[in-house]
Amino acid sequence: MSTRQYKNLKGLKKENLRDNMSTLELALNMLAEATTTELTKVQNPQGLKENQKVANEGGSVAGSARKEIL
């Protein structure tokens, strides 16, 4: 889900998305960011396409964790 789609889901207009996240949402977001950072260090992606692939992998890890929790 894009940032805009998530803001629409939460009914936010100009408010900061992170200020309106639950503790679990923040934790999963941090997991996605930390995972992406670690994958970037290991895979050393070059260019936009490779970086997008790594970002999607990091997001998938957090998505899997969310599905296990909920």
C-alpha atoms as a PDB file:
ATOM      1  CA  MET A   1       0.000   0.000   0.000  1.00  0.00           C
ATOM      2  CA  SER A   2       1.382   3.424  -0.869  1.00  0.00           C
ATOM      3  CA  THR A   3       1.650   6.236   1.665  1.00  0.00           C
ATOM      4  CA  ARG A   4      -1.261   8.064   0.028  1.00  0.00           C
ATOM      5  CA  GLN A   5      -3.435   4.927   0.082  1.00  0.00           C
ATOM      6  CA  TYR A   6      -2.604   4.349   3.757  1.00  0.00           C
ATOM      7  CA  LYS A   7      -3.419   7.979   4.625  1.00  0.00           C
ATOM      8  CA  ASN A   8      -6.741   7.643   2.816  1.00  0.00           C
ATOM      9  CA  LEU A   9      -7.475   4.416   4.703  1.00  0.00           C
ATOM     10  CA  LYS A  10      -6.864   6.210   8.003  1.00  0.00           C
ATOM     11  CA  GLY A  11      -8.799   9.310   6.863  1.00  0.00           C
ATOM     12  CA  LEU A  12      -5.793  11.638   7.092  1.00  0.00           C
ATOM     13  CA  LYS A  13      -5.459  14.792   5.004  1.00  0.00           C
ATOM     14  CA  LYS A  14      -2.320  16.734   5.948  1.00  0.00           C
ATOM     15  CA  GLU A  15      -1.479  15.023   9.235  1.00  0.00           C
ATOM     16  CA  ASN A  16       1.771  13.122   9.627  1.00  0.00           C
ATOM     17  CA  LEU A  17       1.199   9.427   9.020  1.00  0.00           C
ATOM     18  CA  ARG A  18       3.673   8.260  11.676  1.00  0.00           C
ATOM     19  CA  ASP A  19       1.966  10.431  14.294  1.00  0.00           C
ATOM     20  CA  ASN A  20      -1.216   8.471  13.633  1.00  0.00           C
ATOM     21  CA  MET A  21       0.205   4.942  13.689  1.00  0.00           C
ATOM     22  CA  SER A  22      -0.398   2.414  16.427  1.00  0.00           C
ATOM     23  CA  THR A  23       2.518   0.948  18.350  1.00  0.00           C
ATOM     24  CA  LEU A  24       2.312  -2.228  16.258  1.00  0.00           C
ATOM     25  CA  GLU A  25       2.251  -0.267  12.994  1.00  0.00           C
ATOM     26  CA  LEU A  26       5.335   1.680  14.093  1.00  0.00           C
ATOM     27  CA  ALA A  27       7.157  -1.493  15.108  1.00  0.00           C
ATOM     28  CA  LEU A  28       6.399  -3.200  11.797  1.00  0.00           C
ATOM     29  CA  ASN A  29       7.483  -0.100   9.892  1.00  0.00           C
ATOM     30  CA  MET A  30      10.761  -0.062  11.826  1.00  0.00           C
ATOM     31  CA  LEU A  31      11.203  -3.781  11.075  1.00  0.00           C
ATOM     32  CA  ALA A  32      10.751  -3.125   7.348  1.00  0.00           C
ATOM     33  CA  GLU A  33      13.244  -0.245   7.427  1.00  0.00           C
ATOM     34  CA  ALA A  34      15.842  -2.157   9.463  1.00  0.00           C
ATOM     35  CA  THR A  35      15.493  -5.252   7.282  1.00  0.00           C
ATOM     36  CA  THR A  36      15.888  -3.180   4.131  1.00  0.00           C
ATOM     37  CA  THR A  37      19.006  -1.532   5.563  1.00  0.00           C
ATOM     38  CA  GLU A  38      20.572  -4.897   6.382  1.00  0.00           C
ATOM     39  CA  LEU A  39      19.666  -6.365   2.989  1.00  0.00           C
ATOM     40  CA  THR A  40      21.205  -3.323   1.325  1.00  0.00           C
ATOM     41  CA  LYS A  41      24.476  -3.893   3.199  1.00  0.00           C
ATOM     42  CA  VAL A  42      24.565  -7.566   2.150  1.00  0.00           C
ATOM     43  CA  GLN A  43      23.323  -7.273  -1.440  1.00  0.00           C
ATOM     44  CA  ASN A  44      24.903  -3.894  -2.308  1.00  0.00           C
ATOM     45  CA  PRO A  45      22.257  -2.999  -4.917  1.00  0.00           C
ATOM     46  CA  GLN A  46      23.231  -0.710  -7.799  1.00  0.00           C
ATOM     47  CA  GLY A  47      20.647   1.499  -9.447  1.00  0.00           C
ATOM     48  CA  LEU A  48      16.976   2.161  -8.913  1.00  0.00           C
ATOM     49  CA  LYS A  49      15.631  -1.241  -9.982  1.00  0.00           C
ATOM     50  CA  GLU A  50      17.902  -3.199  -7.654  1.00  0.00           C
ATOM     51  CA  ASN A  51      17.189  -0.827  -4.760  1.00  0.00           C
ATOM     52  CA  GLN A  52      13.443  -1.181  -5.352  1.00  0.00           C
ATOM     53  CA  LYS A  53      13.823  -4.974  -5.257  1.00  0.00           C
ATOM     54  CA  VAL A  54      15.642  -4.789  -1.905  1.00  0.00           C
ATOM     55  CA  ALA A  55      13.010  -2.387  -0.525  1.00  0.00           C
ATOM     56  CA  ASN A  56      10.243  -4.780  -1.574  1.00  0.00           C
ATOM     57  CA  GLU A  57      12.063  -7.660   0.139  1.00  0.00           C
ATOM     58  CA  GLY A  58      12.324  -5.637   3.358  1.00  0.00           C
ATOM     59  CA  GLY A  59       8.644  -4.783   3.175  1.00  0.00           C
ATOM     60  CA  SER A  60       7.770  -8.428   2.575  1.00  0.00           C
ATOM     61  CA  VAL A  61       9.503  -9.417   5.803  1.00  0.00           C
ATOM     62  CA  ALA A  62       7.383  -6.937   7.769  1.00  0.00           C
ATOM     63  CA  GLY A  63       4.284  -8.024   5.839  1.00  0.00           C
ATOM     64  CA  SER A  64       4.905 -11.634   6.781  1.00  0.00           C
ATOM     65  CA  ALA A  65       5.382 -10.663  10.432  1.00  0.00           C
ATOM     66  CA  ARG A  66       2.091  -8.716  10.358  1.00  0.00           C
ATOM     67  CA  LYS A  67       0.248 -11.724   8.934  1.00  0.00           C
ATOM     68  CA  GLU A  68       1.683 -13.949  11.686  1.00  0.00           C
ATOM     69  CA  ILE A  69       0.570 -11.490  14.378  1.00  0.00           C
ATOM     70  CA  LEU A  70      -2.902 -10.710  13.065  1.00  0.00           C
END
